[in-house]
Amino acid sequence: MPGHPDLSVARLSEEHTVLTAAESTGLEVGDRVAIIPCHVCTTVNLHPYLLTFAEIGKVTWEPVAARGWR
């Protein structure tokens, strides 16, 4: 995980991730952790916009054109 090399992904589902760590990380419930997904088809399909990080320091909200319902 970017910024948290002590964390590991234990399991994934479409919209949830369970993380594990060998020892305390200092994280608390509600803290945000960036996870780089390898598969997001269903999640993207369920949301109208996608937050992108195309360039360092540049964040944009892009409309999702591949949505299966409107």
PDB file of N, CA and C in Angstrom:
ATOM      1  N   MET A   1       0.824  -1.165   0.000  1.00  0.00           N
ATOM      2  CA  MET A   1       0.000   0.000   0.000  1.00  0.00           C
ATOM      3  C   MET A   1       0.881   1.244   0.000  1.00  0.00           C
ATOM      4  N   PRO A   2       0.594   2.216  -0.844  1.00  0.00           N
ATOM      5  CA  PRO A   2       1.403   3.440  -0.852  1.00  0.00           C
ATOM      6  C   PRO A   2       1.398   4.105   0.528  1.00  0.00           C
ATOM      7  N   GLY A   3       2.570   4.308   1.074  1.00  0.00           N
ATOM      8  CA  GLY A   3       2.690   4.950   2.371  1.00  0.00           C
ATOM      9  C   GLY A   3       2.516   4.026   3.567  1.00  0.00           C
ATOM     10  N   HIS A   4       2.150   2.764   3.324  1.00  0.00           N
ATOM     11  CA  HIS A   4       1.929   1.801   4.411  1.00  0.00           C
ATOM     12  C   HIS A   4       2.479   0.426   4.019  1.00  0.00           C
ATOM     13  N   PRO A   5       3.805   0.290   3.930  1.00  0.00           N
ATOM     14  CA  PRO A   5       4.377  -0.995   3.521  1.00  0.00           C
ATOM     15  C   PRO A   5       4.128  -2.114   4.532  1.00  0.00           C
ATOM     16  N   ASP A   6       3.689  -1.766   5.741  1.00  0.00           N
ATOM     17  CA  ASP A   6       3.422  -2.757   6.782  1.00  0.00           C
ATOM     18  C   ASP A   6       2.062  -3.426   6.630  1.00  0.00           C
ATOM     19  N   LEU A   7       1.227  -2.925   5.717  1.00  0.00           N
ATOM     20  CA  LEU A   7      -0.112  -3.488   5.512  1.00  0.00           C
ATOM     21  C   LEU A   7      -0.122  -4.464   4.344  1.00  0.00           C
ATOM     22  N   SER A   8      -0.972  -5.481   4.454  1.00  0.00           N
ATOM     23  CA  SER A   8      -1.167  -6.446   3.367  1.00  0.00           C
ATOM     24  C   SER A   8      -2.657  -6.610   3.110  1.00  0.00           C
ATOM     25  N   VAL A   9      -3.003  -6.872   1.870  1.00  0.00           N
ATOM     26  CA  VAL A   9      -4.393  -7.150   1.524  1.00  0.00           C
ATOM     27  C   VAL A   9      -4.671  -8.608   1.845  1.00  0.00           C
ATOM     28  N   ALA A  10      -5.614  -8.849   2.768  1.00  0.00           N
ATOM     29  CA  ALA A  10      -5.988 -10.215   3.140  1.00  0.00           C
ATOM     30  C   ALA A  10      -7.011 -10.769   2.163  1.00  0.00           C
ATOM     31  N   ARG A  11      -8.007  -9.937   1.816  1.00  0.00           N
ATOM     32  CA  ARG A  11      -9.004 -10.359   0.822  1.00  0.00           C
ATOM     33  C   ARG A  11      -9.724  -9.137   0.268  1.00  0.00           C
ATOM     34  N   LEU A  12     -10.273  -9.319  -0.932  1.00  0.00           N
ATOM     35  CA  LEU A  12     -10.970  -8.253  -1.644  1.00  0.00           C
ATOM     36  C   LEU A  12     -12.362  -8.699  -2.047  1.00  0.00           C
ATOM     37  N   SER A  13     -13.268  -7.755  -2.110  1.00  0.00           N
ATOM     38  CA  SER A  13     -14.547  -7.968  -2.776  1.00  0.00           C
ATOM     39  C   SER A  13     -14.727  -6.767  -3.689  1.00  0.00           C
ATOM     40  N   GLU A  14     -15.875  -6.616  -4.308  1.00  0.00           N
ATOM     41  CA  GLU A  14     -16.041  -5.523  -5.258  1.00  0.00           C
ATOM     42  C   GLU A  14     -15.859  -4.141  -4.644  1.00  0.00           C
ATOM     43  N   GLU A  15     -16.335  -3.934  -3.422  1.00  0.00           N
ATOM     44  CA  GLU A  15     -16.253  -2.605  -2.828  1.00  0.00           C
ATOM     45  C   GLU A  15     -15.593  -2.572  -1.452  1.00  0.00           C
ATOM     46  N   HIS A  16     -15.057  -3.692  -0.989  1.00  0.00           N
ATOM     47  CA  HIS A  16     -14.450  -3.738   0.340  1.00  0.00           C
ATOM     48  C   HIS A  16     -13.111  -4.465   0.283  1.00  0.00           C
ATOM     49  N   THR A  17     -12.206  -4.042   1.161  1.00  0.00           N
ATOM     50  CA  THR A  17     -10.899  -4.674   1.270  1.00  0.00           C
ATOM     51  C   THR A  17     -10.601  -4.917   2.744  1.00  0.00           C
ATOM     52  N   VAL A  18     -10.098  -6.077   3.070  1.00  0.00           N
ATOM     53  CA  VAL A  18      -9.677  -6.388   4.432  1.00  0.00           C
ATOM     54  C   VAL A  18      -8.159  -6.363   4.437  1.00  0.00           C
ATOM     55  N   LEU A  19      -7.594  -5.541   5.332  1.00  0.00           N
ATOM     56  CA  LEU A  19      -6.149  -5.409   5.446  1.00  0.00           C
ATOM     57  C   LEU A  19      -5.653  -6.087   6.709  1.00  0.00           C
ATOM     58  N   THR A  20      -4.409  -6.557   6.686  1.00  0.00           N
ATOM     59  CA  THR A  20      -3.777  -7.128   7.875  1.00  0.00           C
ATOM     60  C   THR A  20      -2.416  -6.483   8.061  1.00  0.00           C
ATOM     61  N   ALA A  21      -1.940  -6.540   9.307  1.00  0.00           N
ATOM     62  CA  ALA A  21      -0.607  -6.037   9.641  1.00  0.00           C
ATOM     63  C   ALA A  21      -0.041  -6.911  10.740  1.00  0.00           C
ATOM     64  N   ALA A  22       1.278  -7.115  10.725  1.00  0.00           N
ATOM     65  CA  ALA A  22       1.929  -7.953  11.732  1.00  0.00           C
ATOM     66  C   ALA A  22       1.904  -7.293  13.109  1.00  0.00           C
ATOM     67  N   GLU A  23       1.901  -5.961  13.128  1.00  0.00           N
ATOM     68  CA  GLU A  23       1.875  -5.238  14.401  1.00  0.00           C
ATOM     69  C   GLU A  23       1.082  -3.951  14.229  1.00  0.00           C
ATOM     70  N   SER A  24       0.947  -3.189  15.276  1.00  0.00           N
ATOM     71  CA  SER A  24       0.160  -1.966  15.248  1.00  0.00           C
ATOM     72  C   SER A  24       0.694  -0.986  14.208  1.00  0.00           C
ATOM     73  N   THR A  25      -0.220  -0.385  13.455  1.00  0.00           N
ATOM     74  CA  THR A  25       0.156   0.557  12.399  1.00  0.00           C
ATOM     75  C   THR A  25      -0.101   2.001  12.794  1.00  0.00           C
ATOM     76  N   GLY A  26      -0.831   2.211  13.882  1.00  0.00           N
ATOM     77  CA  GLY A  26      -1.198   3.563  14.267  1.00  0.00           C
ATOM     78  C   GLY A  26      -2.447   4.051  13.569  1.00  0.00           C
ATOM     79  N   LEU A  27      -2.997   3.241  12.674  1.00  0.00           N
ATOM     80  CA  LEU A  27      -4.227   3.610  11.984  1.00  0.00           C
ATOM     81  C   LEU A  27      -5.421   3.418  12.908  1.00  0.00           C
ATOM     82  N   GLU A  28      -6.444   4.240  12.692  1.00  0.00           N
ATOM     83  CA  GLU A  28      -7.670   4.130  13.460  1.00  0.00           C
ATOM     84  C   GLU A  28      -8.849   4.010  12.509  1.00  0.00           C
ATOM     85  N   VAL A  29      -9.978   3.542  13.019  1.00  0.00           N
ATOM     86  CA  VAL A  29     -11.190   3.452  12.211  1.00  0.00           C
ATOM     87  C   VAL A  29     -11.481   4.827  11.641  1.00  0.00           C
ATOM     88  N   GLY A  30     -11.709   4.881  10.346  1.00  0.00           N
ATOM     89  CA  GLY A  30     -11.994   6.149   9.673  1.00  0.00           C
ATOM     90  C   GLY A  30     -10.796   6.735   8.944  1.00  0.00           C
ATOM     91  N   ASP A  31      -9.578   6.259   9.252  1.00  0.00           N
ATOM     92  CA  ASP A  31      -8.398   6.731   8.528  1.00  0.00           C
ATOM     93  C   ASP A  31      -8.467   6.239   7.090  1.00  0.00           C
ATOM     94  N   ARG A  32      -7.947   7.030   6.181  1.00  0.00           N
ATOM     95  CA  ARG A  32      -7.957   6.653   4.766  1.00  0.00           C
ATOM     96  C   ARG A  32      -6.633   6.048   4.360  1.00  0.00           C
ATOM     97  N   VAL A  33      -6.714   4.981   3.559  1.00  0.00           N
ATOM     98  CA  VAL A  33      -5.539   4.288   3.046  1.00  0.00           C
ATOM     99  C   VAL A  33      -5.746   4.119   1.550  1.00  0.00           C
ATOM    100  N   ALA A  34      -4.758   4.502   0.754  1.00  0.00           N
ATOM    101  CA  ALA A  34      -4.854   4.343  -0.699  1.00  0.00           C
ATOM    102  C   ALA A  34      -4.564   2.892  -1.074  1.00  0.00           C
ATOM    103  N   ILE A  35      -5.452   2.313  -1.872  1.00  0.00           N
ATOM    104  CA  ILE A  35      -5.282   0.953  -2.368  1.00  0.00           C
ATOM    105  C   ILE A  35      -5.360   1.018  -3.883  1.00  0.00           C
ATOM    106  N   ILE A  36      -4.393   0.431  -4.552  1.00  0.00           N
ATOM    107  CA  ILE A  36      -4.393   0.423  -6.009  1.00  0.00           C
ATOM    108  C   ILE A  36      -5.049  -0.872  -6.458  1.00  0.00           C
ATOM    109  N   PRO A  37      -6.285  -0.800  -6.958  1.00  0.00           N
ATOM    110  CA  PRO A  37      -7.012  -2.020  -7.313  1.00  0.00           C
ATOM    111  C   PRO A  37      -6.520  -2.618  -8.625  1.00  0.00           C
ATOM    112  N   CYS A  38      -6.759  -3.909  -8.775  1.00  0.00           N
ATOM    113  CA  CYS A  38      -6.408  -4.571 -10.030  1.00  0.00           C
ATOM    114  C   CYS A  38      -7.659  -4.898 -10.854  1.00  0.00           C
ATOM    115  N   HIS A  39      -8.854  -4.737 -10.250  1.00  0.00           N
ATOM    116  CA  HIS A  39     -10.099  -5.055 -10.951  1.00  0.00           C
ATOM    117  C   HIS A  39     -11.227  -4.264 -10.312  1.00  0.00           C
ATOM    118  N   VAL A  40     -11.907  -3.412 -11.082  1.00  0.00           N
ATOM    119  CA  VAL A  40     -12.936  -2.557 -10.497  1.00  0.00           C
ATOM    120  C   VAL A  40     -14.190  -2.454 -11.363  1.00  0.00           C
ATOM    121  N   CYS A  41     -14.436  -3.400 -12.239  1.00  0.00           N
ATOM    122  CA  CYS A  41     -15.555  -3.291 -13.191  1.00  0.00           C
ATOM    123  C   CYS A  41     -16.894  -2.988 -12.524  1.00  0.00           C
ATOM    124  N   THR A  42     -17.296  -3.787 -11.555  1.00  0.00           N
ATOM    125  CA  THR A  42     -18.596  -3.584 -10.922  1.00  0.00           C
ATOM    126  C   THR A  42     -18.634  -2.283 -10.149  1.00  0.00           C
ATOM    127  N   THR A  43     -17.587  -1.974  -9.416  1.00  0.00           N
ATOM    128  CA  THR A  43     -17.556  -0.737  -8.636  1.00  0.00           C
ATOM    129  C   THR A  43     -17.681   0.475  -9.542  1.00  0.00           C
ATOM    130  N   VAL A  44     -16.935   0.521 -10.621  1.00  0.00           N
ATOM    131  CA  VAL A  44     -17.006   1.648 -11.548  1.00  0.00           C
ATOM    132  C   VAL A  44     -18.398   1.746 -12.146  1.00  0.00           C
ATOM    133  N   ASN A  45     -18.992   0.640 -12.477  1.00  0.00           N
ATOM    134  CA  ASN A  45     -20.319   0.634 -13.078  1.00  0.00           C
ATOM    135  C   ASN A  45     -21.386   1.212 -12.138  1.00  0.00           C
ATOM    136  N   LEU A  46     -21.159   1.166 -10.835  1.00  0.00           N
ATOM    137  CA  LEU A  46     -22.147   1.620  -9.868  1.00  0.00           C
ATOM    138  C   LEU A  46     -22.034   3.102  -9.516  1.00  0.00           C
ATOM    139  N   HIS A  47     -21.056   3.798 -10.040  1.00  0.00           N
ATOM    140  CA  HIS A  47     -20.837   5.192  -9.670  1.00  0.00           C
ATOM    141  C   HIS A  47     -20.793   6.097 -10.907  1.00  0.00           C
ATOM    142  N   PRO A  48     -21.291   7.327 -10.787  1.00  0.00           N
ATOM    143  CA  PRO A  48     -21.337   8.223 -11.945  1.00  0.00           C
ATOM    144  C   PRO A  48     -19.990   8.853 -12.299  1.00  0.00           C
ATOM    145  N   TYR A  49     -19.059   8.945 -11.335  1.00  0.00           N
ATOM    146  CA  TYR A  49     -17.771   9.577 -11.594  1.00  0.00           C
ATOM    147  C   TYR A  49     -16.632   8.734 -11.045  1.00  0.00           C
ATOM    148  N   LEU A  50     -15.456   8.907 -11.637  1.00  0.00           N
ATOM    149  CA  LEU A  50     -14.249   8.194 -11.242  1.00  0.00           C
ATOM    150  C   LEU A  50     -13.189   9.222 -10.880  1.00  0.00           C
ATOM    151  N   LEU A  51     -12.607   9.118  -9.700  1.00  0.00           N
ATOM    152  CA  LEU A  51     -11.527  10.003  -9.275  1.00  0.00           C
ATOM    153  C   LEU A  51     -10.234   9.483  -9.882  1.00  0.00           C
ATOM    154  N   THR A  52      -9.547  10.324 -10.662  1.00  0.00           N
ATOM    155  CA  THR A  52      -8.333   9.873 -11.342  1.00  0.00           C
ATOM    156  C   THR A  52      -7.108  10.656 -10.873  1.00  0.00           C
ATOM    157  N   PHE A  53      -5.981   9.993 -10.918  1.00  0.00           N
ATOM    158  CA  PHE A  53      -4.689  10.583 -10.590  1.00  0.00           C
ATOM    159  C   PHE A  53      -3.782  10.374 -11.802  1.00  0.00           C
ATOM    160  N   ALA A  54      -4.073  11.052 -12.901  1.00  0.00           N
ATOM    161  CA  ALA A  54      -3.339  10.854 -14.147  1.00  0.00           C
ATOM    162  C   ALA A  54      -1.911  11.373 -14.057  1.00  0.00           C
ATOM    163  N   GLU A  55      -1.724  12.459 -13.324  1.00  0.00           N
ATOM    164  CA  GLU A  55      -0.403  13.045 -13.163  1.00  0.00           C
ATOM    165  C   GLU A  55      -0.187  13.335 -11.683  1.00  0.00           C
ATOM    166  N   ILE A  56       1.046  13.333 -11.256  1.00  0.00           N
ATOM    167  CA  ILE A  56       1.339  13.663  -9.864  1.00  0.00           C
ATOM    168  C   ILE A  56       0.859  15.080  -9.576  1.00  0.00           C
ATOM    169  N   GLY A  57       0.047  15.199  -8.542  1.00  0.00           N
ATOM    170  CA  GLY A  57      -0.477  16.503  -8.158  1.00  0.00           C
ATOM    171  C   GLY A  57      -1.725  16.936  -8.905  1.00  0.00           C
ATOM    172  N   LYS A  58      -2.163  16.171  -9.911  1.00  0.00           N
ATOM    173  CA  LYS A  58      -3.361  16.533 -10.672  1.00  0.00           C
ATOM    174  C   LYS A  58      -4.444  15.479 -10.430  1.00  0.00           C
ATOM    175  N   VAL A  59      -5.528  15.910  -9.803  1.00  0.00           N
ATOM    176  CA  VAL A  59      -6.641  15.021  -9.489  1.00  0.00           C
ATOM    177  C   VAL A  59      -7.864  15.528 -10.242  1.00  0.00           C
ATOM    178  N   THR A  60      -8.573  14.630 -10.918  1.00  0.00           N
ATOM    179  CA  THR A  60      -9.778  15.025 -11.658  1.00  0.00           C
ATOM    180  C   THR A  60     -10.900  14.025 -11.401  1.00  0.00           C
ATOM    181  N   TRP A  61     -12.122  14.491 -11.568  1.00  0.00           N
ATOM    182  CA  TRP A  61     -13.305  13.642 -11.515  1.00  0.00           C
ATOM    183  C   TRP A  61     -13.766  13.449 -12.953  1.00  0.00           C
ATOM    184  N   GLU A  62     -13.780  12.215 -13.425  1.00  0.00           N
ATOM    185  CA  GLU A  62     -14.173  11.904 -14.802  1.00  0.00           C
ATOM    186  C   GLU A  62     -15.506  11.168 -14.804  1.00  0.00           C
ATOM    187  N   PRO A  63     -16.427  11.525 -15.711  1.00  0.00           N
ATOM    188  CA  PRO A  63     -17.676  10.773 -15.799  1.00  0.00           C
ATOM    189  C   PRO A  63     -17.412   9.353 -16.295  1.00  0.00           C
ATOM    190  N   VAL A  64     -18.162   8.396 -15.774  1.00  0.00           N
ATOM    191  CA  VAL A  64     -18.024   7.003 -16.188  1.00  0.00           C
ATOM    192  C   VAL A  64     -18.940   6.761 -17.387  1.00  0.00           C
ATOM    193  N   ALA A  65     -18.337   6.522 -18.551  1.00  0.00           N
ATOM    194  CA  ALA A  65     -19.108   6.323 -19.776  1.00  0.00           C
ATOM    195  C   ALA A  65     -19.563   4.876 -19.943  1.00  0.00           C
ATOM    196  N   ALA A  66     -19.005   3.948 -19.167  1.00  0.00           N
ATOM    197  CA  ALA A  66     -19.290   2.530 -19.342  1.00  0.00           C
ATOM    198  C   ALA A  66     -20.389   2.020 -18.440  1.00  0.00           C
ATOM    199  N   ARG A  67     -21.155   2.920 -17.838  1.00  0.00           N
ATOM    200  CA  ARG A  67     -22.204   2.486 -16.928  1.00  0.00           C
ATOM    201  C   ARG A  67     -23.292   1.717 -17.667  1.00  0.00           C
ATOM    202  N   GLY A  68     -23.773   0.636 -17.036  1.00  0.00           N
ATOM    203  CA  GLY A  68     -24.752  -0.225 -17.674  1.00  0.00           C
ATOM    204  C   GLY A  68     -26.201   0.208 -17.485  1.00  0.00           C
ATOM    205  N   TRP A  69     -26.441   1.250 -16.710  1.00  0.00           N
ATOM    206  CA  TRP A  69     -27.795   1.733 -16.494  1.00  0.00           C
ATOM    207  C   TRP A  69     -27.754   3.244 -16.351  1.00  0.00           C
ATOM    208  N   ARG A  70     -28.860   3.877 -16.604  1.00  0.00           N
ATOM    209  CA  ARG A  70     -28.934   5.353 -16.502  1.00  0.00           C
ATOM    210  C   ARG A  70     -30.265   5.741 -15.912  1.00  0.00           C
TER     211      ARG A  70
END
